[in-house]
Amino acid sequence: MDEKAAKQILDKLTEMNKDMQKGFAEVKSNLDDMKERLTPLKEKQQKNYDLLVKVNEQLIERNKKLNS
């Protein structure tokens, strides 16, 4: 392989590496954004679950009182 061909290959690999780094940075940014948006949803989901558990407990207690 001559020096010119080796330099062309090296240049192409360098360009591809830069493109991949840019792509990875973009993917990481998208994942960070998604994670940021999911955090409040998880918190709401936990609050809803806690509320359902509380309501269920109250219904069980009321049911016990009615059946007593």
Protein backbone atom coordinates (compact mmCIF):
# COMPACT_ATOMS: atom_id res chain seq x y z
CA MET A 1 0.00 0.00 0.00
CA ASP A 2 1.44 3.34 -0.93
CA GLU A 3 1.64 6.32 1.37
CA LYS A 4 -1.18 8.22 -0.39
CA ALA A 5 -3.63 5.32 -0.02
CA ALA A 6 -2.67 4.86 3.64
CA LYS A 7 -3.25 8.58 4.30
CA GLN A 8 -6.66 8.43 2.58
CA ILE A 9 -7.66 5.44 4.70
CA LEU A 10 -6.45 7.16 7.86
CA ASP A 11 -8.31 10.35 6.94
CA LYS A 12 -11.51 8.40 6.28
CA LEU A 13 -11.19 6.50 9.58
CA THR A 14 -10.57 9.76 11.43
CA GLU A 15 -13.65 11.30 9.82
CA MET A 16 -15.75 8.25 10.69
CA ASN A 17 -14.48 8.36 14.27
CA LYS A 18 -15.49 12.02 14.60
CA ASP A 19 -18.94 11.24 13.18
CA MET A 20 -19.37 8.37 15.64
CA GLN A 21 -18.32 10.56 18.57
CA LYS A 22 -20.81 13.20 17.47
CA GLY A 23 -23.50 10.53 17.14
CA PHE A 24 -22.77 9.08 20.57
CA ALA A 25 -22.89 12.55 22.12
CA GLU A 26 -26.28 13.12 20.48
CA VAL A 27 -27.62 9.78 21.73
CA LYS A 28 -26.34 10.52 25.25
CA SER A 29 -28.02 13.91 25.15
CA ASN A 30 -31.30 12.34 24.04
CA LEU A 31 -31.07 9.74 26.82
CA ASP A 32 -30.37 12.45 29.40
CA ASP A 33 -33.39 14.43 28.18
CA MET A 34 -35.58 11.34 28.34
CA LYS A 35 -34.36 10.51 31.83
CA GLU A 36 -35.13 14.06 32.93
CA ARG A 37 -38.69 13.80 31.59
CA LEU A 38 -39.26 10.36 33.12
CA THR A 39 -38.29 11.38 36.66
CA PRO A 40 -41.46 13.45 37.30
CA LEU A 41 -43.57 10.69 35.75
CA LYS A 42 -42.05 8.13 38.11
CA GLU A 43 -42.78 10.42 41.04
CA LYS A 44 -46.40 10.83 39.94
CA GLN A 45 -46.71 7.09 39.43
CA GLN A 46 -45.45 6.47 42.97
CA LYS A 47 -47.88 9.05 44.41
CA ASN A 48 -50.77 7.44 42.50
CA TYR A 49 -49.75 4.00 43.73
CA ASP A 50 -49.52 5.25 47.33
CA LEU A 51 -52.96 6.84 47.00
CA LEU A 52 -54.45 3.61 45.62
CA VAL A 53 -52.97 1.62 48.48
CA LYS A 54 -54.39 4.08 51.01
CA VAL A 55 -57.85 4.04 49.40
CA ASN A 56 -57.76 0.24 49.28
CA GLU A 57 -56.91 0.07 52.98
CA GLN A 58 -59.75 2.45 53.78
CA LEU A 59 -62.18 0.38 51.73
CA ILE A 60 -61.10 -2.78 53.51
CA GLU A 61 -61.65 -1.13 56.89
CA ARG A 62 -65.07 0.17 55.89
CA ASN A 63 -66.02 -3.20 54.53
CA LYS A 64 -64.99 -4.83 57.82
CA LYS A 65 -67.12 -2.34 59.78
CA LEU A 66 -70.12 -2.95 57.53
CA ASN A 67 -69.78 -6.71 57.88
CA SER A 68 -69.40 -6.58 61.67
